[in-house]
Amino acid sequence: MLTLGIRPGEYIVIGDNIVVKAVQLENQIQLGIEAPKDVTILRDSVYEQTHPTPRCITRLREKDEQDTKPAQPKRPAKKAQYTILADS
C-alpha cells in the first residue's frame, strides 16, 4: 500500500483520468474525487453490502489488527551465572 501525507489543496493522480484531492472543510480534511462517470466510487460500507470483501482489504485489516495488538511483554533476562575461582 502506498501511504501519502497530503495537505489541503494537494492532489494525487491515478492513471490518466482520476484525481483525488484533499479538501479542508471546517476542521476536517476530506477527499474530493474526480473520475469518469463510468468509474464507480463507493464507500467501504456501501461496497461491502453488495460485493464480497476484496482480498487486498482483508489483508490490510489483518495487518491493522496486528499493528494495534498490545506488545507482548518481554521475558525477564536470564541472570548470568558466574563461578568465582579462588586464586592459587
N, C-alpha and C. Protein backbone atom coordinates (compact mmCIF):
# COMPACT_ATOMS: atom_id res chain seq x y z
N MET A 1 0.84 -1.17 0.00
CA MET A 1 0.00 0.00 0.00
C MET A 1 0.89 1.24 0.00
N LEU A 2 0.56 2.16 -0.83
CA LEU A 2 1.24 3.45 -0.86
C LEU A 2 0.51 4.37 0.12
N THR A 3 1.23 4.93 1.06
CA THR A 3 0.64 5.86 2.02
C THR A 3 1.26 7.23 1.78
N LEU A 4 0.42 8.22 1.60
CA LEU A 4 0.90 9.57 1.30
C LEU A 4 0.39 10.55 2.34
N GLY A 5 1.23 11.47 2.74
CA GLY A 5 0.77 12.60 3.51
C GLY A 5 0.33 13.66 2.50
N ILE A 6 -0.80 14.25 2.74
CA ILE A 6 -1.32 15.21 1.76
C ILE A 6 -1.95 16.39 2.50
N ARG A 7 -1.71 17.57 2.00
CA ARG A 7 -2.24 18.79 2.61
C ARG A 7 -3.43 19.29 1.80
N PRO A 8 -4.26 20.10 2.41
CA PRO A 8 -5.40 20.66 1.68
C PRO A 8 -4.93 21.35 0.39
N GLY A 9 -5.62 21.07 -0.68
CA GLY A 9 -5.27 21.66 -1.97
C GLY A 9 -4.37 20.78 -2.81
N GLU A 10 -3.66 19.84 -2.17
CA GLU A 10 -2.79 18.93 -2.92
C GLU A 10 -3.65 17.79 -3.46
N TYR A 11 -3.13 17.13 -4.48
CA TYR A 11 -3.89 16.03 -5.09
C TYR A 11 -2.95 14.95 -5.57
N ILE A 12 -3.53 13.79 -5.81
CA ILE A 12 -2.80 12.70 -6.45
C ILE A 12 -3.59 12.30 -7.70
N VAL A 13 -2.87 11.76 -8.66
CA VAL A 13 -3.49 11.33 -9.91
C VAL A 13 -3.34 9.83 -10.01
N ILE A 14 -4.43 9.15 -10.34
CA ILE A 14 -4.42 7.70 -10.53
C ILE A 14 -4.71 7.44 -12.00
N GLY A 15 -3.76 6.80 -12.66
CA GLY A 15 -3.91 6.60 -14.10
C GLY A 15 -3.89 7.94 -14.80
N ASP A 16 -4.67 8.05 -15.87
CA ASP A 16 -4.73 9.30 -16.64
C ASP A 16 -6.00 10.09 -16.38
N ASN A 17 -6.93 9.51 -15.59
CA ASN A 17 -8.23 10.17 -15.54
C ASN A 17 -8.89 10.23 -14.17
N ILE A 18 -8.16 9.93 -13.10
CA ILE A 18 -8.74 10.01 -11.76
C ILE A 18 -7.85 10.93 -10.91
N VAL A 19 -8.48 11.89 -10.26
CA VAL A 19 -7.78 12.83 -9.39
C VAL A 19 -8.42 12.76 -8.01
N VAL A 20 -7.59 12.59 -6.99
CA VAL A 20 -8.05 12.60 -5.60
C VAL A 20 -7.41 13.82 -4.94
N LYS A 21 -8.26 14.72 -4.47
CA LYS A 21 -7.77 15.99 -3.92
C LYS A 21 -8.16 16.10 -2.45
N ALA A 22 -7.24 16.59 -1.62
CA ALA A 22 -7.51 16.85 -0.21
C ALA A 22 -8.22 18.20 -0.11
N VAL A 23 -9.37 18.18 0.52
CA VAL A 23 -10.19 19.38 0.66
C VAL A 23 -10.44 19.62 2.14
N GLN A 24 -10.17 20.85 2.61
CA GLN A 24 -10.43 21.15 4.02
C GLN A 24 -11.82 21.76 4.15
N LEU A 25 -12.65 21.10 4.97
CA LEU A 25 -13.98 21.62 5.27
C LEU A 25 -14.06 21.77 6.79
N GLU A 26 -14.13 23.01 7.25
CA GLU A 26 -14.06 23.33 8.67
C GLU A 26 -12.79 22.74 9.26
N ASN A 27 -12.89 21.82 10.21
CA ASN A 27 -11.69 21.27 10.84
C ASN A 27 -11.36 19.88 10.34
N GLN A 28 -11.88 19.49 9.21
CA GLN A 28 -11.66 18.15 8.68
C GLN A 28 -11.02 18.21 7.31
N ILE A 29 -10.22 17.19 7.04
CA ILE A 29 -9.69 17.01 5.69
C ILE A 29 -10.53 15.91 5.05
N GLN A 30 -11.10 16.18 3.90
CA GLN A 30 -11.89 15.20 3.20
C GLN A 30 -11.30 14.98 1.82
N LEU A 31 -11.73 13.92 1.17
CA LEU A 31 -11.23 13.61 -0.16
C LEU A 31 -12.26 14.01 -1.21
N GLY A 32 -11.81 14.75 -2.19
CA GLY A 32 -12.63 15.05 -3.36
C GLY A 32 -12.10 14.17 -4.49
N ILE A 33 -12.99 13.45 -5.15
CA ILE A 33 -12.56 12.52 -6.19
C ILE A 33 -13.21 12.91 -7.51
N GLU A 34 -12.36 13.12 -8.50
CA GLU A 34 -12.85 13.42 -9.84
C GLU A 34 -12.47 12.24 -10.72
N ALA A 35 -13.51 11.61 -11.31
CA ALA A 35 -13.29 10.42 -12.13
C ALA A 35 -14.35 10.37 -13.22
N PRO A 36 -14.09 9.62 -14.28
CA PRO A 36 -15.09 9.47 -15.33
C PRO A 36 -16.39 8.87 -14.77
N LYS A 37 -17.50 9.17 -15.42
CA LYS A 37 -18.80 8.69 -14.94
C LYS A 37 -18.90 7.17 -14.94
N ASP A 38 -18.12 6.50 -15.77
CA ASP A 38 -18.21 5.04 -15.81
C ASP A 38 -17.41 4.36 -14.70
N VAL A 39 -16.70 5.15 -13.87
CA VAL A 39 -15.95 4.60 -12.74
C VAL A 39 -16.84 4.71 -11.50
N THR A 40 -17.13 3.56 -10.89
CA THR A 40 -17.95 3.54 -9.68
C THR A 40 -17.05 3.80 -8.47
N ILE A 41 -17.48 4.72 -7.62
CA ILE A 41 -16.75 5.05 -6.40
C ILE A 41 -17.72 4.85 -5.24
N LEU A 42 -17.38 3.92 -4.35
CA LEU A 42 -18.26 3.61 -3.22
C LEU A 42 -17.47 3.62 -1.92
N ARG A 43 -18.09 4.10 -0.88
CA ARG A 43 -17.53 4.00 0.47
C ARG A 43 -17.54 2.52 0.85
N ASP A 44 -16.60 2.10 1.69
CA ASP A 44 -16.46 0.67 2.03
C ASP A 44 -17.75 0.04 2.52
N SER A 45 -18.48 0.72 3.39
CA SER A 45 -19.69 0.13 3.96
C SER A 45 -20.75 -0.13 2.88
N VAL A 46 -20.82 0.71 1.88
CA VAL A 46 -21.78 0.52 0.79
C VAL A 46 -21.29 -0.59 -0.14
N TYR A 47 -20.02 -0.57 -0.46
CA TYR A 47 -19.45 -1.58 -1.36
C TYR A 47 -19.64 -2.98 -0.81
N GLU A 48 -19.36 -3.16 0.47
CA GLU A 48 -19.39 -4.49 1.06
C GLU A 48 -20.81 -5.02 1.27
N GLN A 49 -21.81 -4.18 1.11
CA GLN A 49 -23.20 -4.67 1.17
C GLN A 49 -23.55 -5.47 -0.07
N THR A 50 -22.89 -5.17 -1.17
CA THR A 50 -23.25 -5.82 -2.44
C THR A 50 -22.11 -6.62 -3.05
N HIS A 51 -20.93 -6.57 -2.47
CA HIS A 51 -19.77 -7.26 -3.02
C HIS A 51 -19.05 -8.01 -1.90
N PRO A 52 -18.37 -9.09 -2.24
CA PRO A 52 -17.51 -9.72 -1.23
C PRO A 52 -16.33 -8.80 -0.93
N THR A 53 -15.81 -8.90 0.27
CA THR A 53 -14.67 -8.06 0.65
C THR A 53 -13.46 -8.47 -0.19
N PRO A 54 -12.84 -7.52 -0.89
CA PRO A 54 -11.67 -7.85 -1.71
C PRO A 54 -10.53 -8.39 -0.84
N ARG A 55 -9.77 -9.31 -1.38
CA ARG A 55 -8.65 -9.93 -0.65
C ARG A 55 -7.66 -8.88 -0.16
N CYS A 56 -7.41 -7.85 -0.98
CA CYS A 56 -6.44 -6.82 -0.57
C CYS A 56 -6.94 -6.09 0.69
N ILE A 57 -8.23 -5.89 0.83
CA ILE A 57 -8.79 -5.22 2.01
C ILE A 57 -8.69 -6.15 3.22
N THR A 58 -8.96 -7.44 3.01
CA THR A 58 -8.83 -8.41 4.10
C THR A 58 -7.41 -8.41 4.64
N ARG A 59 -6.42 -8.39 3.74
CA ARG A 59 -5.02 -8.36 4.18
C ARG A 59 -4.72 -7.09 4.96
N LEU A 60 -5.23 -5.96 4.50
CA LEU A 60 -4.99 -4.69 5.20
C LEU A 60 -5.60 -4.72 6.60
N ARG A 61 -6.79 -5.27 6.72
CA ARG A 61 -7.44 -5.34 8.04
C ARG A 61 -6.67 -6.25 8.98
N GLU A 62 -6.17 -7.37 8.45
CA GLU A 62 -5.37 -8.28 9.28
C GLU A 62 -4.10 -7.58 9.75
N LYS A 63 -3.47 -6.82 8.85
CA LYS A 63 -2.25 -6.09 9.22
C LYS A 63 -2.56 -5.03 10.27
N ASP A 64 -3.68 -4.32 10.09
CA ASP A 64 -4.08 -3.30 11.07
C ASP A 64 -4.31 -3.93 12.44
N GLU A 65 -4.93 -5.11 12.48
CA GLU A 65 -5.16 -5.79 13.75
C GLU A 65 -3.84 -6.14 14.41
N GLN A 66 -2.88 -6.60 13.62
CA GLN A 66 -1.57 -6.95 14.18
C GLN A 66 -0.87 -5.71 14.71
N ASP A 67 -1.01 -4.60 13.98
CA ASP A 67 -0.33 -3.36 14.39
C ASP A 67 -0.93 -2.78 15.67
N THR A 68 -2.22 -3.07 15.94
CA THR A 68 -2.87 -2.49 17.11
C THR A 68 -2.88 -3.42 18.32
N LYS A 69 -2.40 -4.64 18.16
CA LYS A 69 -2.33 -5.55 19.31
C LYS A 69 -1.31 -5.02 20.30
N PRO A 70 -1.60 -5.17 21.61
CA PRO A 70 -0.61 -4.72 22.59
C PRO A 70 0.67 -5.53 22.45
N ALA A 71 1.75 -4.88 22.68
CA ALA A 71 3.05 -5.55 22.57
C ALA A 71 3.14 -6.65 23.62
N GLN A 72 3.72 -7.75 23.24
CA GLN A 72 3.92 -8.85 24.17
C GLN A 72 4.96 -8.43 25.20
N PRO A 73 4.69 -8.72 26.47
CA PRO A 73 5.70 -8.36 27.48
C PRO A 73 6.98 -9.13 27.23
N LYS A 74 8.09 -8.46 27.45
CA LYS A 74 9.38 -9.11 27.25
C LYS A 74 9.63 -10.06 28.40
N ARG A 75 10.24 -11.18 28.06
CA ARG A 75 10.60 -12.12 29.11
C ARG A 75 11.75 -11.54 29.92
N PRO A 76 11.74 -11.79 31.22
CA PRO A 76 12.87 -11.25 32.02
C PRO A 76 14.17 -11.87 31.54
N ALA A 77 15.19 -11.07 31.54
CA ALA A 77 16.50 -11.56 31.11
C ALA A 77 16.99 -12.61 32.09
N LYS A 78 17.64 -13.61 31.57
CA LYS A 78 18.19 -14.65 32.43
C LYS A 78 19.39 -14.06 33.18
N LYS A 79 19.47 -14.43 34.43
CA LYS A 79 20.59 -13.95 35.23
C LYS A 79 21.83 -14.74 34.83
N ALA A 80 22.90 -14.03 34.68
CA ALA A 80 24.15 -14.68 34.34
C ALA A 80 24.67 -15.44 35.55
N GLN A 81 25.21 -16.57 35.29
CA GLN A 81 25.79 -17.35 36.39
C GLN A 81 27.30 -17.28 36.28
N TYR A 82 27.92 -16.92 37.37
CA TYR A 82 29.38 -16.79 37.39
C TYR A 82 29.94 -17.76 38.41
N THR A 83 31.09 -18.29 38.11
CA THR A 83 31.81 -19.14 39.06
C THR A 83 33.05 -18.38 39.46
N ILE A 84 33.21 -18.17 40.74
CA ILE A 84 34.38 -17.45 41.22
C ILE A 84 35.44 -18.47 41.55
N LEU A 85 36.57 -18.34 40.92
CA LEU A 85 37.67 -19.25 41.16
C LEU A 85 38.63 -18.60 42.15
N ALA A 86 39.03 -19.38 43.13
CA ALA A 86 39.96 -18.86 44.14
C ALA A 86 41.36 -18.78 43.52
N ASP A 87 42.10 -17.74 43.90
CA ASP A 87 43.49 -17.60 43.43
C ASP A 87 44.33 -18.70 44.07
N SER A 88 45.23 -19.31 43.31
CA SER A 88 46.08 -20.37 43.87
C SER A 88 47.45 -19.84 44.17
